[in-house]
Amino acid sequence: MTYVAPGIHLLIDLWECSHLQDMALIETTIRKAAEICGATVLEIKLHSFGENAGITGVAILAESHISIHTWPETGYVAIDIFMCGSCDPHRAIPLFEELFQSGKIQVSEHQRGVHSE
């Protein structure tokens, strides 16, 4: 039996970053990322851990989610993008690189829902 992957899950690690505490800019960028990937935002919830601390959050999409966690003290950002259907999460990568002015990036891709018999 053949199984078709219902979605692609990207794990994006960015180092040497800026703008890690700008909640408004992060929210705007997540909305734009979802749009350019072809996804529909249902809700975004972000939380700041206070002055000089990071932000964590999630965008709930009709096609799954985008999550983000920032660590300004180390200049690191972790982003997960899981999308199904005709959405292309790869389109969001340059947008996040540009927002955070990343010095280094690593992306791993996982096909979700695939298994071998």
C-alpha atoms as a PDB file:
ATOM      1  CA  MET A   1       0.000   0.000   0.000  1.00  0.00           C
ATOM      2  CA  THR A   2       1.262   3.470  -0.889  1.00  0.00           C
ATOM      3  CA  TYR A   3       0.889   6.348   1.550  1.00  0.00           C
ATOM      4  CA  VAL A   4       0.941   9.959   0.421  1.00  0.00           C
ATOM      5  CA  ALA A   5       2.455  12.410   2.882  1.00  0.00           C
ATOM      6  CA  PRO A   6      -0.294  14.720   4.154  1.00  0.00           C
ATOM      7  CA  GLY A   7       2.190  17.489   4.818  1.00  0.00           C
ATOM      8  CA  ILE A   8       5.702  18.870   4.959  1.00  0.00           C
ATOM      9  CA  HIS A   9       7.219  19.870   8.290  1.00  0.00           C
ATOM     10  CA  LEU A  10      10.191  22.245   8.168  1.00  0.00           C
ATOM     11  CA  LEU A  11      12.409  22.778  11.200  1.00  0.00           C
ATOM     12  CA  ILE A  12      14.277  26.052  10.770  1.00  0.00           C
ATOM     13  CA  ASP A  13      17.149  27.085  13.034  1.00  0.00           C
ATOM     14  CA  LEU A  14      18.546  30.611  12.699  1.00  0.00           C
ATOM     15  CA  TRP A  15      21.588  31.986  14.521  1.00  0.00           C
ATOM     16  CA  GLU A  16      23.214  35.426  14.848  1.00  0.00           C
ATOM     17  CA  CYS A  17      19.790  37.074  14.614  1.00  0.00           C
ATOM     18  CA  SER A  18      18.230  40.473  15.284  1.00  0.00           C
ATOM     19  CA  HIS A  19      14.666  41.644  16.101  1.00  0.00           C
ATOM     20  CA  LEU A  20      14.060  38.770  18.518  1.00  0.00           C
ATOM     21  CA  GLN A  21      11.919  40.848  20.876  1.00  0.00           C
ATOM     22  CA  ASP A  22       9.794  42.762  18.369  1.00  0.00           C
ATOM     23  CA  MET A  23       6.417  41.081  18.840  1.00  0.00           C
ATOM     24  CA  ALA A  24       4.560  43.264  16.314  1.00  0.00           C
ATOM     25  CA  LEU A  25       7.151  42.613  13.613  1.00  0.00           C
ATOM     26  CA  ILE A  26       7.154  38.873  14.334  1.00  0.00           C
ATOM     27  CA  GLU A  27       3.352  38.694  14.129  1.00  0.00           C
ATOM     28  CA  THR A  28       3.275  40.643  10.865  1.00  0.00           C
ATOM     29  CA  THR A  29       5.959  38.378   9.402  1.00  0.00           C
ATOM     30  CA  ILE A  30       4.166  35.186  10.451  1.00  0.00           C
ATOM     31  CA  ARG A  31       0.991  36.441   8.746  1.00  0.00           C
ATOM     32  CA  LYS A  32       2.939  37.299   5.604  1.00  0.00           C
ATOM     33  CA  ALA A  33       4.733  33.918   5.687  1.00  0.00           C
ATOM     34  CA  ALA A  34       1.422  32.061   5.849  1.00  0.00           C
ATOM     35  CA  GLU A  35       0.067  34.138   2.974  1.00  0.00           C
ATOM     36  CA  ILE A  36       3.037  33.575   0.641  1.00  0.00           C
ATOM     37  CA  CYS A  37       2.919  29.843   1.405  1.00  0.00           C
ATOM     38  CA  GLY A  38      -0.757  29.739   0.432  1.00  0.00           C
ATOM     39  CA  ALA A  39      -2.025  29.073   3.961  1.00  0.00           C
ATOM     40  CA  THR A  40      -4.943  30.543   5.913  1.00  0.00           C
ATOM     41  CA  VAL A  41      -4.310  32.021   9.389  1.00  0.00           C
ATOM     42  CA  LEU A  42      -7.023  31.118  11.880  1.00  0.00           C
ATOM     43  CA  GLU A  43      -5.366  32.575  14.975  1.00  0.00           C
ATOM     44  CA  ILE A  44      -1.978  33.815  16.195  1.00  0.00           C
ATOM     45  CA  LYS A  45      -0.958  33.699  19.834  1.00  0.00           C
ATOM     46  CA  LEU A  46       2.393  35.184  20.888  1.00  0.00           C
ATOM     47  CA  HIS A  47       3.828  35.601  24.369  1.00  0.00           C
ATOM     48  CA  SER A  48       6.732  37.813  25.439  1.00  0.00           C
ATOM     49  CA  PHE A  49       8.706  36.715  28.472  1.00  0.00           C
ATOM     50  CA  GLY A  50       9.469  40.363  29.267  1.00  0.00           C
ATOM     51  CA  GLU A  51      12.219  42.872  28.724  1.00  0.00           C
ATOM     52  CA  ASN A  52      15.417  41.327  27.373  1.00  0.00           C
ATOM     53  CA  ALA A  53      13.677  37.955  27.096  1.00  0.00           C
ATOM     54  CA  GLY A  54      12.339  35.922  24.209  1.00  0.00           C
ATOM     55  CA  ILE A  55       9.031  35.435  22.493  1.00  0.00           C
ATOM     56  CA  THR A  56       7.189  32.191  21.923  1.00  0.00           C
ATOM     57  CA  GLY A  57       4.106  31.628  19.868  1.00  0.00           C
ATOM     58  CA  VAL A  58       2.065  29.794  17.323  1.00  0.00           C
ATOM     59  CA  ALA A  59      -0.024  30.573  14.286  1.00  0.00           C
ATOM     60  CA  ILE A  60      -2.853  28.112  13.925  1.00  0.00           C
ATOM     61  CA  LEU A  61      -3.487  27.602  10.240  1.00  0.00           C
ATOM     62  CA  ALA A  62      -6.299  25.888   8.401  1.00  0.00           C
ATOM     63  CA  GLU A  63      -3.423  23.879   6.892  1.00  0.00           C
ATOM     64  CA  SER A  64      -1.635  23.179  10.260  1.00  0.00           C
ATOM     65  CA  HIS A  65       0.739  25.611  12.066  1.00  0.00           C
ATOM     66  CA  ILE A  66       3.782  27.866  12.310  1.00  0.00           C
ATOM     67  CA  SER A  67       5.524  28.039  15.675  1.00  0.00           C
ATOM     68  CA  ILE A  68       8.354  30.303  16.796  1.00  0.00           C
ATOM     69  CA  HIS A  69      10.658  30.559  19.814  1.00  0.00           C
ATOM     70  CA  THR A  70      13.306  33.297  20.185  1.00  0.00           C
ATOM     71  CA  TRP A  71      16.308  33.530  22.496  1.00  0.00           C
ATOM     72  CA  PRO A  72      17.694  37.102  22.268  1.00  0.00           C
ATOM     73  CA  GLU A  73      20.426  36.305  24.786  1.00  0.00           C
ATOM     74  CA  THR A  74      21.997  33.909  22.264  1.00  0.00           C
ATOM     75  CA  GLY A  75      20.676  35.353  18.990  1.00  0.00           C
ATOM     76  CA  TYR A  76      18.860  32.107  18.183  1.00  0.00           C
ATOM     77  CA  VAL A  77      15.409  31.456  16.676  1.00  0.00           C
ATOM     78  CA  ALA A  78      13.617  28.114  16.237  1.00  0.00           C
ATOM     79  CA  ILE A  79      10.744  28.004  13.735  1.00  0.00           C
ATOM     80  CA  ASP A  80       8.553  25.040  12.824  1.00  0.00           C
ATOM     81  CA  ILE A  81       6.332  25.193   9.770  1.00  0.00           C
ATOM     82  CA  PHE A  82       3.967  22.298   9.155  1.00  0.00           C
ATOM     83  CA  MET A  83       1.643  22.630   6.175  1.00  0.00           C
ATOM     84  CA  CYS A  84      -0.519  20.255   4.211  1.00  0.00           C
ATOM     85  CA  GLY A  85      -2.348  20.397   0.923  1.00  0.00           C
ATOM     86  CA  SER A  86      -0.984  22.621  -1.821  1.00  0.00           C
ATOM     87  CA  CYS A  87       0.830  24.972   0.599  1.00  0.00           C
ATOM     88  CA  ASP A  88       4.591  25.337   0.162  1.00  0.00           C
ATOM     89  CA  PRO A  89       6.350  26.081   3.483  1.00  0.00           C
ATOM     90  CA  HIS A  90       9.686  26.572   1.695  1.00  0.00           C
ATOM     91  CA  ARG A  91       8.450  29.970   0.478  1.00  0.00           C
ATOM     92  CA  ALA A  92       8.627  31.333   4.046  1.00  0.00           C
ATOM     93  CA  ILE A  93      12.333  30.626   4.549  1.00  0.00           C
ATOM     94  CA  PRO A  94      13.702  33.784   2.818  1.00  0.00           C
ATOM     95  CA  LEU A  95      11.168  35.933   4.652  1.00  0.00           C
ATOM     96  CA  PHE A  96      12.309  34.713   8.087  1.00  0.00           C
ATOM     97  CA  GLU A  97      15.981  35.001   7.081  1.00  0.00           C
ATOM     98  CA  GLU A  98      15.388  38.609   6.073  1.00  0.00           C
ATOM     99  CA  LEU A  99      13.357  39.515   9.179  1.00  0.00           C
ATOM    100  CA  PHE A 100      15.912  38.170  11.625  1.00  0.00           C
ATOM    101  CA  GLN A 101      18.975  39.154   9.539  1.00  0.00           C
ATOM    102  CA  SER A 102      20.282  35.673  10.181  1.00  0.00           C
ATOM    103  CA  GLY A 103      24.008  34.967   9.975  1.00  0.00           C
ATOM    104  CA  LYS A 104      23.482  31.214   9.777  1.00  0.00           C
ATOM    105  CA  ILE A 105      20.521  28.983   8.940  1.00  0.00           C
ATOM    106  CA  GLN A 106      19.819  25.274   9.002  1.00  0.00           C
ATOM    107  CA  VAL A 107      16.639  23.734   7.581  1.00  0.00           C
ATOM    108  CA  SER A 108      15.513  20.145   7.904  1.00  0.00           C
ATOM    109  CA  GLU A 109      12.485  18.763   6.126  1.00  0.00           C
ATOM    110  CA  HIS A 110      10.250  15.931   7.267  1.00  0.00           C
ATOM    111  CA  GLN A 111       7.476  14.281   5.306  1.00  0.00           C
ATOM    112  CA  ARG A 112       4.725  13.710   7.867  1.00  0.00           C
ATOM    113  CA  GLY A 113       2.468  10.678   7.779  1.00  0.00           C
ATOM    114  CA  VAL A 114       4.807   8.490   5.741  1.00  0.00           C
ATOM    115  CA  HIS A 115       5.769   5.013   6.912  1.00  0.00           C
ATOM    116  CA  SER A 116       7.060   1.873   5.369  1.00  0.00           C
ATOM    117  CA  GLU A 117       5.454  -1.494   5.610  1.00  0.00           C
END
